Amino acid sequence: MEETLLQLGISWPKLLAQTLNFAIVLFVLQRYAYRPILRLLEERRERIAESLRKAEEIDRLLAEAEAKRKAIVMEANQRASQIIEEAQRAAEVQGQRYLDRALQESEQILAKARELAAREREQTLAEVRRQVVRLVVELTSRVSGKVLTQEDHRRLQEETLAELERN
């Protein structure tokens, strides 16, 4: 076997020295390179996990904020609709008040106009009566050809007014 090893170019002292060198290099790499790299990888894995937890927390907070925003918008829309309805009702009430007031004023104006027309009619009728009485007295005095006394004037006026009132 020693000869086979020699033919392969392997010598025991070199093999032992190389094995010892390999063990030293392995120990040094293990201690100063592999462990720090593993520690860095573990730290990085923890940071990534923490980042994922934070991202999930941010997503959850965003979802909550979005839900709150939607609730606020919905509430604002409902409140706006309510305010619009109240304004419409108030406008209807106010419009009805104005309409009622306008109707009252128009009725008052019509009543005043009727009253004024009645007064003017009465005044006109009184004026017509006076004119008719004056004309009757004047015609009677011309037709009869005599001068009428105060008593005749009064009697003709009363008769004429009585006749006018009957018609």
Protein backbone atom coordinates (compact mmCIF):
# COMPACT_ATOMS: atom_id res chain seq x y z
CA MET A 1 0.00 0.00 0.00
CA GLU A 2 2.84 2.31 0.64
CA GLU A 3 4.06 1.67 -2.80
CA THR A 4 0.67 2.36 -4.28
CA LEU A 5 0.59 5.61 -2.42
CA LEU A 6 4.04 6.50 -3.67
CA GLN A 7 3.04 5.69 -7.22
CA LEU A 8 0.10 8.03 -6.80
CA GLY A 9 2.49 10.68 -5.55
CA ILE A 10 1.26 10.63 -1.98
CA SER A 11 3.72 10.69 0.88
CA TRP A 12 2.67 10.27 4.46
CA PRO A 13 4.47 13.27 5.90
CA LYS A 14 3.08 15.53 3.20
CA LEU A 15 -0.39 14.03 3.62
CA LEU A 16 -0.25 14.66 7.36
CA ALA A 17 1.06 18.18 6.85
CA GLN A 18 -1.65 18.90 4.28
CA THR A 19 -4.31 17.42 6.54
CA LEU A 20 -3.01 19.54 9.43
CA ASN A 21 -2.94 22.62 7.17
CA PHE A 22 -6.48 21.80 5.98
CA ALA A 23 -7.67 21.45 9.59
CA ILE A 24 -6.02 24.78 10.53
CA VAL A 25 -7.51 26.52 7.48
CA LEU A 26 -10.85 24.89 8.25
CA PHE A 27 -10.65 26.03 11.89
CA VAL A 28 -9.65 29.59 10.88
CA LEU A 29 -12.34 29.80 8.21
CA GLN A 30 -14.89 28.31 10.60
CA ARG A 31 -14.01 30.74 13.35
CA TYR A 32 -13.33 33.94 11.42
CA ALA A 33 -15.33 33.62 8.20
CA TYR A 34 -18.09 31.01 8.37
CA ARG A 35 -19.51 31.95 11.78
CA PRO A 36 -19.58 35.72 11.06
CA ILE A 37 -21.16 35.03 7.67
CA LEU A 38 -23.77 32.79 9.34
CA ARG A 39 -24.31 35.47 12.00
CA LEU A 40 -24.73 38.13 9.28
CA LEU A 41 -27.13 35.87 7.38
CA GLU A 42 -29.13 35.25 10.58
CA GLU A 43 -29.22 38.99 11.32
CA ARG A 44 -30.33 39.68 7.78
CA ARG A 45 -33.02 36.99 8.03
CA GLU A 46 -34.24 38.60 11.29
CA ARG A 47 -34.24 42.06 9.68
CA ILE A 48 -36.20 40.69 6.73
CA ALA A 49 -38.67 38.98 9.08
CA GLU A 50 -38.99 42.22 11.08
CA SER A 51 -39.49 44.18 7.85
CA LEU A 52 -42.19 41.73 6.79
CA ARG A 53 -43.88 42.08 10.19
CA LYS A 54 -43.68 45.85 9.88
CA ALA A 55 -45.03 45.70 6.31
CA GLU A 56 -47.93 43.53 7.51
CA GLU A 57 -48.54 46.00 10.35
CA ILE A 58 -48.43 48.90 7.88
CA ASP A 59 -50.84 47.03 5.57
CA ARG A 60 -53.17 46.42 8.53
CA LEU A 61 -52.94 50.09 9.56
CA LEU A 62 -53.57 51.17 5.97
CA ALA A 63 -56.59 48.89 5.77
CA GLU A 64 -57.90 50.34 9.05
CA ALA A 65 -57.25 53.88 7.83
CA GLU A 66 -59.02 53.12 4.55
CA ALA A 67 -61.98 51.66 6.43
CA LYS A 68 -62.08 54.74 8.67
CA ARG A 69 -61.82 57.01 5.62
CA LYS A 70 -64.69 55.17 3.93
CA ALA A 71 -66.75 55.39 7.13
CA ILE A 72 -66.01 59.11 7.43
CA VAL A 73 -66.88 59.71 3.76
CA MET A 74 -70.08 57.69 4.14
CA GLU A 75 -70.99 59.60 7.29
CA ALA A 76 -70.19 62.90 5.58
CA ASN A 77 -72.36 61.91 2.60
CA GLN A 78 -75.20 60.94 4.92
CA ARG A 79 -74.83 64.18 6.84
CA ALA A 80 -74.74 66.16 3.58
CA SER A 81 -77.90 64.38 2.40
CA GLN A 82 -79.53 65.09 5.74
CA ILE A 83 -78.54 68.76 5.55
CA ILE A 84 -79.86 68.98 1.98
CA GLU A 85 -83.15 67.39 3.03
CA GLU A 86 -83.44 69.77 5.99
CA ALA A 87 -82.68 72.72 3.72
CA GLN A 88 -85.31 71.56 1.24
CA ARG A 89 -87.87 71.17 4.02
CA ALA A 90 -86.96 74.58 5.41
CA ALA A 91 -87.22 76.07 1.92
CA GLU A 92 -90.63 74.46 1.45
CA VAL A 93 -91.80 75.79 4.82
CA GLN A 94 -90.41 79.24 4.05
CA GLY A 95 -91.95 79.16 0.57
CA GLN A 96 -95.30 78.16 2.06
CA ARG A 97 -95.01 81.02 4.55
CA TYR A 98 -94.30 83.48 1.74
CA LEU A 99 -97.18 82.04 -0.27
CA ASP A 100 -99.54 82.29 2.70
CA ARG A 101 -98.40 85.84 3.38
CA ALA A 102 -98.82 86.76 -0.28
CA LEU A 103 -102.32 85.25 -0.26
CA GLN A 104 -103.23 87.18 2.88
CA GLU A 105 -101.88 90.38 1.39
CA SER A 106 -103.74 89.79 -1.87
CA GLU A 107 -106.95 89.11 0.08
CA GLN A 108 -106.41 92.30 2.05
CA ILE A 109 -105.78 94.22 -1.16
CA LEU A 110 -108.92 92.71 -2.72
CA ALA A 111 -110.95 93.53 0.40
CA LYS A 112 -109.68 97.11 0.33
CA ALA A 113 -110.39 97.33 -3.39
CA ARG A 114 -113.93 95.98 -2.86
CA GLU A 115 -114.46 98.39 0.00
CA LEU A 116 -113.15 101.28 -2.07
CA ALA A 117 -115.32 100.24 -5.03
CA ALA A 118 -118.36 100.00 -2.75
CA ARG A 119 -117.63 103.46 -1.33
CA GLU A 120 -117.15 104.91 -4.79
CA ARG A 121 -120.35 103.21 -5.95
CA GLU A 122 -122.24 104.64 -2.98
CA GLN A 123 -120.76 108.07 -3.62
CA THR A 124 -121.63 107.81 -7.29
CA LEU A 125 -125.17 106.65 -6.47
CA ALA A 126 -125.54 109.49 -3.97
CA GLU A 127 -124.31 111.95 -6.58
CA VAL A 128 -126.70 110.47 -9.17
CA ARG A 129 -129.58 110.71 -6.68
CA ARG A 130 -128.77 114.33 -5.97
CA GLN A 131 -128.61 115.05 -9.67
CA VAL A 132 -131.87 113.18 -10.32
CA VAL A 133 -133.61 114.97 -7.45
CA ARG A 134 -132.30 118.34 -8.67
CA LEU A 135 -133.40 117.53 -12.24
CA VAL A 136 -136.83 116.34 -11.07
CA VAL A 137 -137.32 119.49 -9.01
CA GLU A 138 -136.11 121.66 -11.88
CA LEU A 139 -138.26 119.82 -14.46
CA THR A 140 -141.27 119.95 -12.22
CA SER A 141 -140.90 123.69 -11.72
CA ARG A 142 -140.49 124.23 -15.50
CA VAL A 143 -143.32 121.89 -16.43
CA SER A 144 -145.70 123.35 -13.86
CA GLY A 145 -144.60 126.87 -14.64
CA LYS A 146 -144.79 128.01 -11.07
CA VAL A 147 -142.18 128.79 -8.47
CA LEU A 148 -141.88 125.98 -5.98
CA THR A 149 -141.68 126.66 -2.28
CA GLN A 150 -139.27 125.08 0.14
CA GLU A 151 -142.00 122.69 1.16
CA ASP A 152 -142.57 121.66 -2.47
CA HIS A 153 -138.83 121.11 -2.94
CA ARG A 154 -138.65 118.90 0.15
CA ARG A 155 -141.73 116.89 -0.82
CA LEU A 156 -140.47 116.31 -4.42
CA GLN A 157 -137.08 115.26 -3.13
CA GLU A 158 -138.60 112.74 -0.71
CA GLU A 159 -140.90 111.30 -3.38
CA THR A 160 -138.08 111.04 -5.91
CA LEU A 161 -135.75 109.34 -3.41
CA ALA A 162 -138.48 106.90 -2.39
CA GLU A 163 -139.10 106.07 -6.05
CA LEU A 164 -135.38 105.60 -6.72
CA GLU A 165 -135.00 103.29 -3.76
CA ARG A 166 -137.86 101.12 -4.97
CA ASN A 167 -136.11 100.63 -8.33
